[in-house]
Amino acid sequence: MTNNKETQKASWDDGMDIWLKPKHFSKTPLTAFIVKLKIVPGEEDKVNFIYSVNVEGGKYQWQPNKTQMNQLMDLKIKSPNDLINKNVDFKVITVRNPSTKQMQDGLDIMRVQ
């Protein structure tokens, strides 16, 4: 483990609320600027795409779900890297959480600019 100042200052609070959610937007359209992409191993020889995004001065992580990845392909985004330095506009929709079976707010992609 690295023993640098950042690691020493880390706290559990640093990991809370880092994932992009509808509540992070205060206006419409809901725009997130994509800063960078990290590709991490996933299940069954798959990978996960985790984007660092800026929203209204806040910094968050966004991992597109299957529906959002299909929306991006429909918008002619050819590769995950093509989102870097782009704005993604979202709208809030109501979706069923597959784990809890409860309805909740979700993010639907409108356009990429």
PDB file of N, CA and C in Angstrom:
ATOM      1  N   MET A   1       0.832  -1.177   0.000  1.00  0.00           N
ATOM      2  CA  MET A   1       0.000   0.000   0.000  1.00  0.00           C
ATOM      3  C   MET A   1       0.875   1.237   0.000  1.00  0.00           C
ATOM      4  N   THR A   2       0.478   2.217  -0.789  1.00  0.00           N
ATOM      5  CA  THR A   2       1.228   3.459  -0.869  1.00  0.00           C
ATOM      6  C   THR A   2       0.994   4.271   0.390  1.00  0.00           C
ATOM      7  N   ASN A   3       2.036   4.862   0.904  1.00  0.00           N
ATOM      8  CA  ASN A   3       1.917   5.654   2.118  1.00  0.00           C
ATOM      9  C   ASN A   3       2.183   7.118   1.788  1.00  0.00           C
ATOM     10  N   ASN A   4       1.308   7.734   1.003  1.00  0.00           N
ATOM     11  CA  ASN A   4       1.489   9.140   0.683  1.00  0.00           C
ATOM     12  C   ASN A   4       0.466   9.978   1.440  1.00  0.00           C
ATOM     13  N   LYS A   5       0.565  11.303   1.319  1.00  0.00           N
ATOM     14  CA  LYS A   5      -0.306  12.198   2.077  1.00  0.00           C
ATOM     15  C   LYS A   5      -1.775  12.005   1.711  1.00  0.00           C
ATOM     16  N   GLU A   6      -2.079  11.763   0.428  1.00  0.00           N
ATOM     17  CA  GLU A   6      -3.476  11.563   0.030  1.00  0.00           C
ATOM     18  C   GLU A   6      -4.069  10.333   0.700  1.00  0.00           C
ATOM     19  N   THR A   7      -3.323   9.253   0.755  1.00  0.00           N
ATOM     20  CA  THR A   7      -3.801   8.035   1.393  1.00  0.00           C
ATOM     21  C   THR A   7      -3.990   8.270   2.892  1.00  0.00           C
ATOM     22  N   GLN A   8      -3.083   8.984   3.508  1.00  0.00           N
ATOM     23  CA  GLN A   8      -3.184   9.240   4.936  1.00  0.00           C
ATOM     24  C   GLN A   8      -4.395  10.101   5.278  1.00  0.00           C
ATOM     25  N   LYS A   9      -4.790  11.016   4.378  1.00  0.00           N
ATOM     26  CA  LYS A   9      -5.916  11.905   4.625  1.00  0.00           C
ATOM     27  C   LYS A   9      -7.261  11.277   4.248  1.00  0.00           C
ATOM     28  N   ALA A  10      -7.262  10.149   3.588  1.00  0.00           N
ATOM     29  CA  ALA A  10      -8.504   9.546   3.112  1.00  0.00           C
ATOM     30  C   ALA A  10      -9.412   9.191   4.280  1.00  0.00           C
ATOM     31  N   SER A  11     -10.716   9.381   4.065  1.00  0.00           N
ATOM     32  CA  SER A  11     -11.702   8.982   5.060  1.00  0.00           C
ATOM     33  C   SER A  11     -12.879   8.337   4.337  1.00  0.00           C
ATOM     34  N   TRP A  12     -13.751   7.671   5.086  1.00  0.00           N
ATOM     35  CA  TRP A  12     -14.919   7.039   4.475  1.00  0.00           C
ATOM     36  C   TRP A  12     -15.794   8.079   3.785  1.00  0.00           C
ATOM     37  N   ASP A  13     -15.815   9.300   4.289  1.00  0.00           N
ATOM     38  CA  ASP A  13     -16.625  10.362   3.688  1.00  0.00           C
ATOM     39  C   ASP A  13     -16.190  10.649   2.248  1.00  0.00           C
ATOM     40  N   ASP A  14     -14.913  10.390   1.940  1.00  0.00           N
ATOM     41  CA  ASP A  14     -14.414  10.646   0.591  1.00  0.00           C
ATOM     42  C   ASP A  14     -15.089   9.761  -0.452  1.00  0.00           C
ATOM     43  N   GLY A  15     -15.596   8.614  -0.042  1.00  0.00           N
ATOM     44  CA  GLY A  15     -16.234   7.696  -0.979  1.00  0.00           C
ATOM     45  C   GLY A  15     -17.744   7.800  -1.017  1.00  0.00           C
ATOM     46  N   MET A  16     -18.312   8.623  -0.156  1.00  0.00           N
ATOM     47  CA  MET A  16     -19.762   8.761  -0.104  1.00  0.00           C
ATOM     48  C   MET A  16     -20.244   9.704  -1.199  1.00  0.00           C
ATOM     49  N   ASP A  17     -21.336   9.353  -1.795  1.00  0.00           N
ATOM     50  CA  ASP A  17     -22.020  10.232  -2.746  1.00  0.00           C
ATOM     51  C   ASP A  17     -21.138  10.650  -3.916  1.00  0.00           C
ATOM     52  N   ILE A  18     -20.283   9.738  -4.389  1.00  0.00           N
ATOM     53  CA  ILE A  18     -19.444  10.071  -5.536  1.00  0.00           C
ATOM     54  C   ILE A  18     -20.109   9.693  -6.854  1.00  0.00           C
ATOM     55  N   TRP A  19     -21.153   8.857  -6.807  1.00  0.00           N
ATOM     56  CA  TRP A  19     -21.791   8.383  -8.036  1.00  0.00           C
ATOM     57  C   TRP A  19     -22.837   9.381  -8.501  1.00  0.00           C
ATOM     58  N   LEU A  20     -22.834   9.663  -9.795  1.00  0.00           N
ATOM     59  CA  LEU A  20     -23.749  10.629 -10.390  1.00  0.00           C
ATOM     60  C   LEU A  20     -25.191  10.180 -10.198  1.00  0.00           C
ATOM     61  N   LYS A  21     -26.035  11.095  -9.703  1.00  0.00           N
ATOM     62  CA  LYS A  21     -27.445  10.814  -9.446  1.00  0.00           C
ATOM     63  C   LYS A  21     -28.278  12.006  -9.896  1.00  0.00           C
ATOM     64  N   PRO A  22     -29.578  11.804 -10.128  1.00  0.00           N
ATOM     65  CA  PRO A  22     -30.435  12.930 -10.525  1.00  0.00           C
ATOM     66  C   PRO A  22     -30.383  14.106  -9.558  1.00  0.00           C
ATOM     67  N   LYS A  23     -30.185  13.857  -8.279  1.00  0.00           N
ATOM     68  CA  LYS A  23     -30.178  14.942  -7.296  1.00  0.00           C
ATOM     69  C   LYS A  23     -29.008  15.910  -7.464  1.00  0.00           C
ATOM     70  N   HIS A  24     -27.992  15.537  -8.250  1.00  0.00           N
ATOM     71  CA  HIS A  24     -26.841  16.403  -8.449  1.00  0.00           C
ATOM     72  C   HIS A  24     -27.093  17.508  -9.472  1.00  0.00           C
ATOM     73  N   PHE A  25     -28.231  17.489 -10.116  1.00  0.00           N
ATOM     74  CA  PHE A  25     -28.561  18.489 -11.129  1.00  0.00           C
ATOM     75  C   PHE A  25     -29.622  19.444 -10.579  1.00  0.00           C
ATOM     76  N   SER A  26     -29.458  20.734 -10.851  1.00  0.00           N
ATOM     77  CA  SER A  26     -30.449  21.701 -10.381  1.00  0.00           C
ATOM     78  C   SER A  26     -31.256  22.316 -11.515  1.00  0.00           C
ATOM     79  N   LYS A  27     -30.882  22.043 -12.762  1.00  0.00           N
ATOM     80  CA  LYS A  27     -31.591  22.652 -13.882  1.00  0.00           C
ATOM     81  C   LYS A  27     -31.687  21.686 -15.056  1.00  0.00           C
ATOM     82  N   THR A  28     -32.545  22.040 -16.001  1.00  0.00           N
ATOM     83  CA  THR A  28     -32.725  21.243 -17.210  1.00  0.00           C
ATOM     84  C   THR A  28     -32.132  22.014 -18.378  1.00  0.00           C
ATOM     85  N   PRO A  29     -31.437  21.417 -19.366  1.00  0.00           N
ATOM     86  CA  PRO A  29     -31.092  20.001 -19.367  1.00  0.00           C
ATOM     87  C   PRO A  29     -30.048  19.695 -18.305  1.00  0.00           C
ATOM     88  N   LEU A  30     -30.028  18.464 -17.911  1.00  0.00           N
ATOM     89  CA  LEU A  30     -29.078  17.983 -16.919  1.00  0.00           C
ATOM     90  C   LEU A  30     -27.792  17.639 -17.653  1.00  0.00           C
ATOM     91  N   THR A  31     -26.794  18.484 -17.549  1.00  0.00           N
ATOM     92  CA  THR A  31     -25.574  18.332 -18.347  1.00  0.00           C
ATOM     93  C   THR A  31     -24.387  17.930 -17.482  1.00  0.00           C
ATOM     94  N   ALA A  32     -23.692  16.886 -17.933  1.00  0.00           N
ATOM     95  CA  ALA A  32     -22.458  16.431 -17.278  1.00  0.00           C
ATOM     96  C   ALA A  32     -21.331  16.511 -18.298  1.00  0.00           C
ATOM     97  N   PHE A  33     -20.200  17.096 -17.904  1.00  0.00           N
ATOM     98  CA  PHE A  33     -19.021  17.160 -18.754  1.00  0.00           C
ATOM     99  C   PHE A  33     -18.126  15.980 -18.415  1.00  0.00           C
ATOM    100  N   ILE A  34     -17.786  15.179 -19.435  1.00  0.00           N
ATOM    101  CA  ILE A  34     -16.974  13.978 -19.241  1.00  0.00           C
ATOM    102  C   ILE A  34     -15.497  14.368 -19.238  1.00  0.00           C
ATOM    103  N   VAL A  35     -14.824  14.076 -18.130  1.00  0.00           N
ATOM    104  CA  VAL A  35     -13.423  14.469 -17.965  1.00  0.00           C
ATOM    105  C   VAL A  35     -12.473  13.352 -18.373  1.00  0.00           C
ATOM    106  N   LYS A  36     -12.700  12.148 -17.844  1.00  0.00           N
ATOM    107  CA  LYS A  36     -11.801  11.041 -18.189  1.00  0.00           C
ATOM    108  C   LYS A  36     -12.528   9.713 -18.015  1.00  0.00           C
ATOM    109  N   LEU A  37     -11.907   8.668 -18.519  1.00  0.00           N
ATOM    110  CA  LEU A  37     -12.462   7.320 -18.493  1.00  0.00           C
ATOM    111  C   LEU A  37     -11.483   6.391 -17.802  1.00  0.00           C
ATOM    112  N   LYS A  38     -12.034   5.548 -16.926  1.00  0.00           N
ATOM    113  CA  LYS A  38     -11.239   4.479 -16.310  1.00  0.00           C
ATOM    114  C   LYS A  38     -11.945   3.173 -16.650  1.00  0.00           C
ATOM    115  N   ILE A  39     -11.197   2.224 -17.159  1.00  0.00           N
ATOM    116  CA  ILE A  39     -11.754   0.905 -17.495  1.00  0.00           C
ATOM    117  C   ILE A  39     -11.269  -0.073 -16.442  1.00  0.00           C
ATOM    118  N   VAL A  40     -12.223  -0.730 -15.775  1.00  0.00           N
ATOM    119  CA  VAL A  40     -11.873  -1.664 -14.696  1.00  0.00           C
ATOM    120  C   VAL A  40     -12.476  -3.033 -15.001  1.00  0.00           C
ATOM    121  N   PRO A  41     -11.845  -4.100 -14.521  1.00  0.00           N
ATOM    122  CA  PRO A  41     -12.371  -5.442 -14.773  1.00  0.00           C
ATOM    123  C   PRO A  41     -13.773  -5.597 -14.177  1.00  0.00           C
ATOM    124  N   GLY A  42     -14.597  -6.328 -14.900  1.00  0.00           N
ATOM    125  CA  GLY A  42     -15.943  -6.621 -14.431  1.00  0.00           C
ATOM    126  C   GLY A  42     -16.140  -8.116 -14.288  1.00  0.00           C
ATOM    127  N   GLU A  43     -17.390  -8.525 -14.324  1.00  0.00           N
ATOM    128  CA  GLU A  43     -17.716  -9.948 -14.201  1.00  0.00           C
ATOM    129  C   GLU A  43     -17.649 -10.641 -15.556  1.00  0.00           C
ATOM    130  N   GLU A  44     -17.348 -11.917 -15.534  1.00  0.00           N
ATOM    131  CA  GLU A  44     -17.385 -12.778 -16.720  1.00  0.00           C
ATOM    132  C   GLU A  44     -16.628 -12.199 -17.912  1.00  0.00           C
ATOM    133  N   ASP A  45     -15.383 -11.823 -17.711  1.00  0.00           N
ATOM    134  CA  ASP A  45     -14.517 -11.305 -18.778  1.00  0.00           C
ATOM    135  C   ASP A  45     -15.038 -10.017 -19.405  1.00  0.00           C
ATOM    136  N   LYS A  46     -15.873  -9.284 -18.713  1.00  0.00           N
ATOM    137  CA  LYS A  46     -16.363  -7.992 -19.184  1.00  0.00           C
ATOM    138  C   LYS A  46     -15.572  -6.896 -18.487  1.00  0.00           C
ATOM    139  N   VAL A  47     -15.735  -5.670 -18.961  1.00  0.00           N
ATOM    140  CA  VAL A  47     -15.116  -4.523 -18.293  1.00  0.00           C
ATOM    141  C   VAL A  47     -16.209  -3.523 -17.922  1.00  0.00           C
ATOM    142  N   ASN A  48     -15.889  -2.663 -16.963  1.00  0.00           N
ATOM    143  CA  ASN A  48     -16.773  -1.589 -16.557  1.00  0.00           C
ATOM    144  C   ASN A  48     -16.151  -0.269 -16.980  1.00  0.00           C
ATOM    145  N   PHE A  49     -16.976   0.606 -17.547  1.00  0.00           N
ATOM    146  CA  PHE A  49     -16.532   1.930 -17.947  1.00  0.00           C
ATOM    147  C   PHE A  49     -16.965   2.904 -16.858  1.00  0.00           C
ATOM    148  N   ILE A  50     -15.999   3.543 -16.218  1.00  0.00           N
ATOM    149  CA  ILE A  50     -16.294   4.496 -15.155  1.00  0.00           C
ATOM    150  C   ILE A  50     -15.732   5.851 -15.575  1.00  0.00           C
ATOM    151  N   TYR A  51     -16.636   6.800 -15.749  1.00  0.00           N
ATOM    152  CA  TYR A  51     -16.266   8.143 -16.188  1.00  0.00           C
ATOM    153  C   TYR A  51     -16.189   9.093 -15.000  1.00  0.00           C
ATOM    154  N   SER A  52     -15.198   9.965 -15.021  1.00  0.00           N
ATOM    155  CA  SER A  52     -15.146  11.097 -14.102  1.00  0.00           C
ATOM    156  C   SER A  52     -15.881  12.231 -14.802  1.00  0.00           C
ATOM    157  N   VAL A  53     -16.857  12.823 -14.095  1.00  0.00           N
ATOM    158  CA  VAL A  53     -17.683  13.865 -14.704  1.00  0.00           C
ATOM    159  C   VAL A  53     -17.759  15.084 -13.793  1.00  0.00           C
ATOM    160  N   ASN A  54     -17.957  16.236 -14.419  1.00  0.00           N
ATOM    161  CA  ASN A  54     -18.191  17.479 -13.690  1.00  0.00           C
ATOM    162  C   ASN A  54     -19.633  17.899 -13.934  1.00  0.00           C
ATOM    163  N   VAL A  55     -20.327  18.224 -12.847  1.00  0.00           N
ATOM    164  CA  VAL A  55     -21.709  18.680 -12.921  1.00  0.00           C
ATOM    165  C   VAL A  55     -21.855  19.878 -11.996  1.00  0.00           C
ATOM    166  N   GLU A  56     -22.150  21.032 -12.576  1.00  0.00           N
ATOM    167  CA  GLU A  56     -22.413  22.234 -11.777  1.00  0.00           C
ATOM    168  C   GLU A  56     -21.373  22.441 -10.682  1.00  0.00           C
ATOM    169  N   GLY A  57     -20.104  22.259 -11.021  1.00  0.00           N
ATOM    170  CA  GLY A  57     -19.022  22.477 -10.066  1.00  0.00           C
ATOM    171  C   GLY A  57     -18.685  21.277  -9.196  1.00  0.00           C
ATOM    172  N   GLY A  58     -19.515  20.230  -9.212  1.00  0.00           N
ATOM    173  CA  GLY A  58     -19.228  19.027  -8.439  1.00  0.00           C
ATOM    174  C   GLY A  58     -18.543  17.980  -9.295  1.00  0.00           C
ATOM    175  N   LYS A  59     -17.772  17.119  -8.661  1.00  0.00           N
ATOM    176  CA  LYS A  59     -17.070  16.041  -9.372  1.00  0.00           C
ATOM    177  C   LYS A  59     -17.650  14.715  -8.922  1.00  0.00           C
ATOM    178  N   TYR A  60     -18.047  13.882  -9.912  1.00  0.00           N
ATOM    179  CA  TYR A  60     -18.699  12.613  -9.629  1.00  0.00           C
ATOM    180  C   TYR A  60     -18.149  11.530 -10.548  1.00  0.00           C
ATOM    181  N   GLN A  61     -18.574  10.311 -10.281  1.00  0.00           N
ATOM    182  CA  GLN A  61     -18.271   9.164 -11.135  1.00  0.00           C
ATOM    183  C   GLN A  61     -19.584   8.713 -11.768  1.00  0.00           C
ATOM    184  N   TRP A  62     -19.516   8.280 -13.016  1.00  0.00           N
ATOM    185  CA  TRP A  62     -20.700   7.783 -13.712  1.00  0.00           C
ATOM    186  C   TRP A  62     -20.330   6.492 -14.416  1.00  0.00           C
ATOM    187  N   GLN A  63     -21.084   5.444 -14.146  1.00  0.00           N
ATOM    188  CA  GLN A  63     -20.906   4.165 -14.821  1.00  0.00           C
ATOM    189  C   GLN A  63     -22.181   3.898 -15.604  1.00  0.00           C
ATOM    190  N   PRO A  64     -22.127   4.045 -16.936  1.00  0.00           N
ATOM    191  CA  PRO A  64     -23.339   3.822 -17.736  1.00  0.00           C
ATOM    192  C   PRO A  64     -23.872   2.406 -17.553  1.00  0.00           C
ATOM    193  N   ASN A  65     -25.198   2.301 -17.421  1.00  0.00           N
ATOM    194  CA  ASN A  65     -25.820   0.979 -17.361  1.00  0.00           C
ATOM    195  C   ASN A  65     -26.062   0.481 -18.792  1.00  0.00           C
ATOM    196  N   LYS A  66     -26.623  -0.701 -18.944  1.00  0.00           N
ATOM    197  CA  LYS A  66     -26.812  -1.279 -20.277  1.00  0.00           C
ATOM    198  C   LYS A  66     -27.708  -0.412 -21.144  1.00  0.00           C
ATOM    199  N   THR A  67     -28.778   0.112 -20.567  1.00  0.00           N
ATOM    200  CA  THR A  67     -29.688   0.971 -21.336  1.00  0.00           C
ATOM    201  C   THR A  67     -28.963   2.212 -21.817  1.00  0.00           C
ATOM    202  N   GLN A  68     -28.180   2.836 -20.944  1.00  0.00           N
ATOM    203  CA  GLN A  68     -27.439   4.040 -21.330  1.00  0.00           C
ATOM    204  C   GLN A  68     -26.378   3.732 -22.385  1.00  0.00           C
ATOM    205  N   MET A  69     -25.723   2.567 -22.297  1.00  0.00           N
ATOM    206  CA  MET A  69     -24.741   2.204 -23.329  1.00  0.00           C
ATOM    207  C   MET A  69     -25.429   2.036 -24.682  1.00  0.00           C
ATOM    208  N   ASN A  70     -26.621   1.435 -24.687  1.00  0.00           N
ATOM    209  CA  ASN A  70     -27.368   1.309 -25.942  1.00  0.00           C
ATOM    210  C   ASN A  70     -27.770   2.678 -26.470  1.00  0.00           C
ATOM    211  N   GLN A  71     -28.147   3.592 -25.590  1.00  0.00           N
ATOM    212  CA  GLN A  71     -28.491   4.943 -26.019  1.00  0.00           C
ATOM    213  C   GLN A  71     -27.279   5.627 -26.650  1.00  0.00           C
ATOM    214  N   LEU A  72     -26.117   5.446 -26.060  1.00  0.00           N
ATOM    215  CA  LEU A  72     -24.901   6.041 -26.612  1.00  0.00           C
ATOM    216  C   LEU A  72     -24.589   5.469 -27.994  1.00  0.00           C
ATOM    217  N   MET A  73     -24.756   4.176 -28.158  1.00  0.00           N
ATOM    218  CA  MET A  73     -24.526   3.567 -29.480  1.00  0.00           C
ATOM    219  C   MET A  73     -25.544   4.089 -30.487  1.00  0.00           C
ATOM    220  N   ASP A  74     -26.803   4.266 -30.059  1.00  0.00           N
ATOM    221  CA  ASP A  74     -27.829   4.829 -30.942  1.00  0.00           C
ATOM    222  C   ASP A  74     -27.499   6.261 -31.351  1.00  0.00           C
ATOM    223  N   LEU A  75     -26.784   6.970 -30.477  1.00  0.00           N
ATOM    224  CA  LEU A  75     -26.360   8.343 -30.773  1.00  0.00           C
ATOM    225  C   LEU A  75     -25.064   8.384 -31.580  1.00  0.00           C
ATOM    226  N   LYS A  76     -24.633   7.224 -32.065  1.00  0.00           N
ATOM    227  CA  LYS A  76     -23.444   7.092 -32.921  1.00  0.00           C
ATOM    228  C   LYS A  76     -22.136   7.387 -32.196  1.00  0.00           C
ATOM    229  N   ILE A  77     -22.104   7.123 -30.881  1.00  0.00           N
ATOM    230  CA  ILE A  77     -20.843   7.204 -30.137  1.00  0.00           C
ATOM    231  C   ILE A  77     -20.142   5.875 -30.384  1.00  0.00           C
ATOM    232  N   LYS A  78     -19.048   5.911 -31.136  1.00  0.00           N
ATOM    233  CA  LYS A  78     -18.423   4.683 -31.627  1.00  0.00           C
ATOM    234  C   LYS A  78     -17.635   3.915 -30.573  1.00  0.00           C
ATOM    235  N   SER A  79     -17.047   4.627 -29.609  1.00  0.00           N
ATOM    236  CA  SER A  79     -16.276   3.931 -28.573  1.00  0.00           C
ATOM    237  C   SER A  79     -16.409   4.692 -27.254  1.00  0.00           C
ATOM    238  N   PRO A  80     -16.151   4.026 -26.144  1.00  0.00           N
ATOM    239  CA  PRO A  80     -16.223   4.700 -24.843  1.00  0.00           C
ATOM    240  C   PRO A  80     -15.312   5.924 -24.754  1.00  0.00           C
ATOM    241  N   ASN A  81     -14.170   5.906 -25.421  1.00  0.00           N
ATOM    242  CA  ASN A  81     -13.246   7.045 -25.401  1.00  0.00           C
ATOM    243  C   ASN A  81     -13.811   8.277 -26.095  1.00  0.00           C
ATOM    244  N   ASP A  82     -14.769   8.088 -26.989  1.00  0.00           N
ATOM    245  CA  ASP A  82     -15.339   9.213 -27.739  1.00  0.00           C
ATOM    246  C   ASP A  82     -16.151  10.163 -26.862  1.00  0.00           C
ATOM    247  N   LEU A  83     -16.461   9.788 -25.633  1.00  0.00           N
ATOM    248  CA  LEU A  83     -17.207  10.670 -24.735  1.00  0.00           C
ATOM    249  C   LEU A  83     -16.322  11.678 -24.000  1.00  0.00           C
ATOM    250  N   ILE A  84     -15.026  11.417 -23.954  1.00  0.00           N
ATOM    251  CA  ILE A  84     -14.119  12.290 -23.212  1.00  0.00           C
ATOM    252  C   ILE A  84     -14.152  13.687 -23.822  1.00  0.00           C
ATOM    253  N   ASN A  85     -14.240  14.696 -22.939  1.00  0.00           N
ATOM    254  CA  ASN A  85     -14.331  16.117 -23.306  1.00  0.00           C
ATOM    255  C   ASN A  85     -15.635  16.471 -24.013  1.00  0.00           C
ATOM    256  N   LYS A  86     -16.679  15.710 -23.745  1.00  0.00           N
ATOM    257  CA  LYS A  86     -18.005  15.995 -24.315  1.00  0.00           C
ATOM    258  C   LYS A  86     -18.989  16.267 -23.180  1.00  0.00           C
ATOM    259  N   ASN A  87     -20.070  16.944 -23.518  1.00  0.00           N
ATOM    260  CA  ASN A  87     -21.188  17.132 -22.604  1.00  0.00           C
ATOM    261  C   ASN A  87     -22.240  16.076 -22.901  1.00  0.00           C
ATOM    262  N   VAL A  88     -22.744  15.456 -21.854  1.00  0.00           N
ATOM    263  CA  VAL A  88     -23.847  14.504 -21.990  1.00  0.00           C
ATOM    264  C   VAL A  88     -25.051  15.130 -21.295  1.00  0.00           C
ATOM    265  N   ASP A  89     -26.146  15.270 -22.045  1.00  0.00           N
ATOM    266  CA  ASP A  89     -27.389  15.815 -21.493  1.00  0.00           C
ATOM    267  C   ASP A  89     -28.302  14.672 -21.101  1.00  0.00           C
ATOM    268  N   PHE A  90     -28.819  14.742 -19.876  1.00  0.00           N
ATOM    269  CA  PHE A  90     -29.700  13.715 -19.335  1.00  0.00           C
ATOM    270  C   PHE A  90     -31.078  14.302 -19.040  1.00  0.00           C
ATOM    271  N   LYS A  91     -32.060  13.436 -18.947  1.00  0.00           N
ATOM    272  CA  LYS A  91     -33.349  13.797 -18.364  1.00  0.00           C
ATOM    273  C   LYS A  91     -33.638  12.767 -17.281  1.00  0.00           C
ATOM    274  N   VAL A  92     -34.413  13.175 -16.291  1.00  0.00           N
ATOM    275  CA  VAL A  92     -34.759  12.285 -15.191  1.00  0.00           C
ATOM    276  C   VAL A  92     -35.983  11.472 -15.586  1.00  0.00           C
ATOM    277  N   ILE A  93     -35.892  10.170 -15.387  1.00  0.00           N
ATOM    278  CA  ILE A  93     -37.014   9.271 -15.648  1.00  0.00           C
ATOM    279  C   ILE A  93     -37.229   8.402 -14.412  1.00  0.00           C
ATOM    280  N   THR A  94     -38.392   7.799 -14.331  1.00  0.00           N
ATOM    281  CA  THR A  94     -38.677   6.881 -13.231  1.00  0.00           C
ATOM    282  C   THR A  94     -38.420   5.464 -13.711  1.00  0.00           C
ATOM    283  N   VAL A  95     -37.623   4.723 -12.950  1.00  0.00           N
ATOM    284  CA  VAL A  95     -37.247   3.352 -13.307  1.00  0.00           C
ATOM    285  C   VAL A  95     -37.429   2.444 -12.097  1.00  0.00           C
ATOM    286  N   ARG A  96     -37.518   1.150 -12.362  1.00  0.00           N
ATOM    287  CA  ARG A  96     -37.599   0.178 -11.270  1.00  0.00           C
ATOM    288  C   ARG A  96     -36.200  -0.331 -10.963  1.00  0.00           C
ATOM    289  N   ASN A  97     -35.801  -0.224  -9.708  1.00  0.00           N
ATOM    290  CA  ASN A  97     -34.511  -0.728  -9.262  1.00  0.00           C
ATOM    291  C   ASN A  97     -34.592  -2.253  -9.267  1.00  0.00           C
ATOM    292  N   PRO A  98     -33.736  -2.936 -10.061  1.00  0.00           N
ATOM    293  CA  PRO A  98     -33.826  -4.393 -10.146  1.00  0.00           C
ATOM    294  C   PRO A  98     -33.511  -5.109  -8.834  1.00  0.00           C
ATOM    295  N   SER A  99     -32.740  -4.475  -7.960  1.00  0.00           N
ATOM    296  CA  SER A  99     -32.393  -5.106  -6.685  1.00  0.00           C
ATOM    297  C   SER A  99     -33.517  -4.986  -5.658  1.00  0.00           C
ATOM    298  N   THR A 100     -34.085  -3.781  -5.551  1.00  0.00           N
ATOM    299  CA  THR A 100     -35.097  -3.540  -4.514  1.00  0.00           C
ATOM    300  C   THR A 100     -36.525  -3.667  -5.027  1.00  0.00           C
ATOM    301  N   LYS A 101     -36.680  -3.673  -6.356  1.00  0.00           N
ATOM    302  CA  LYS A 101     -38.005  -3.707  -7.012  1.00  0.00           C
ATOM    303  C   LYS A 101     -38.814  -2.435  -6.745  1.00  0.00           C
ATOM    304  N   GLN A 102     -38.163  -1.397  -6.239  1.00  0.00           N
ATOM    305  CA  GLN A 102     -38.818  -0.124  -5.955  1.00  0.00           C
ATOM    306  C   GLN A 102     -38.611   0.838  -7.123  1.00  0.00           C
ATOM    307  N   MET A 103     -39.572   1.766  -7.295  1.00  0.00           N
ATOM    308  CA  MET A 103     -39.432   2.797  -8.310  1.00  0.00           C
ATOM    309  C   MET A 103     -38.503   3.894  -7.766  1.00  0.00           C
ATOM    310  N   GLN A 104     -37.672   4.427  -8.655  1.00  0.00           N
ATOM    311  CA  GLN A 104     -36.747   5.480  -8.269  1.00  0.00           C
ATOM    312  C   GLN A 104     -36.414   6.330  -9.483  1.00  0.00           C
ATOM    313  N   ASP A 105     -35.802   7.493  -9.248  1.00  0.00           N
ATOM    314  CA  ASP A 105     -35.358   8.344 -10.349  1.00  0.00           C
ATOM    315  C   ASP A 105     -34.114   7.759 -10.987  1.00  0.00           C
ATOM    316  N   GLY A 106     -34.040   7.866 -12.306  1.00  0.00           N
ATOM    317  CA  GLY A 106     -32.877   7.426 -13.060  1.00  0.00           C
ATOM    318  C   GLY A 106     -32.526   8.469 -14.102  1.00  0.00           C
ATOM    319  N   LEU A 107     -31.425   8.272 -14.792  1.00  0.00           N
ATOM    320  CA  LEU A 107     -30.967   9.210 -15.807  1.00  0.00           C
ATOM    321  C   LEU A 107     -31.051   8.579 -17.187  1.00  0.00           C
ATOM    322  N   ASP A 108     -31.705   9.278 -18.096  1.00  0.00           N
ATOM    323  CA  ASP A 108     -31.870   8.854 -19.476  1.00  0.00           C
ATOM    324  C   ASP A 108     -31.062   9.826 -20.350  1.00  0.00           C
ATOM    325  N   ILE A 109     -30.278   9.319 -21.280  1.00  0.00           N
ATOM    326  CA  ILE A 109     -29.438  10.179 -22.118  1.00  0.00           C
ATOM    327  C   ILE A 109     -30.259  10.781 -23.237  1.00  0.00           C
ATOM    328  N   MET A 110     -30.187  12.110 -23.354  1.00  0.00           N
ATOM    329  CA  MET A 110     -30.893  12.831 -24.423  1.00  0.00           C
ATOM    330  C   MET A 110     -29.988  13.070 -25.621  1.00  0.00           C
ATOM    331  N   ARG A 111     -28.762  13.564 -25.350  1.00  0.00           N
ATOM    332  CA  ARG A 111     -27.842  13.885 -26.439  1.00  0.00           C
ATOM    333  C   ARG A 111     -26.418  14.009 -25.907  1.00  0.00           C
ATOM    334  N   VAL A 112     -25.477  13.971 -26.849  1.00  0.00           N
ATOM    335  CA  VAL A 112     -24.065  14.157 -26.539  1.00  0.00           C
ATOM    336  C   VAL A 112     -23.582  15.302 -27.431  1.00  0.00           C
ATOM    337  N   GLN A 113     -22.885  16.259 -26.819  1.00  0.00           N
ATOM    338  CA  GLN A 113     -22.415  17.422 -27.588  1.00  0.00           C
ATOM    339  C   GLN A 113     -20.921  17.609 -27.402  1.00  0.00           C
TER     340      GLN A 113
END
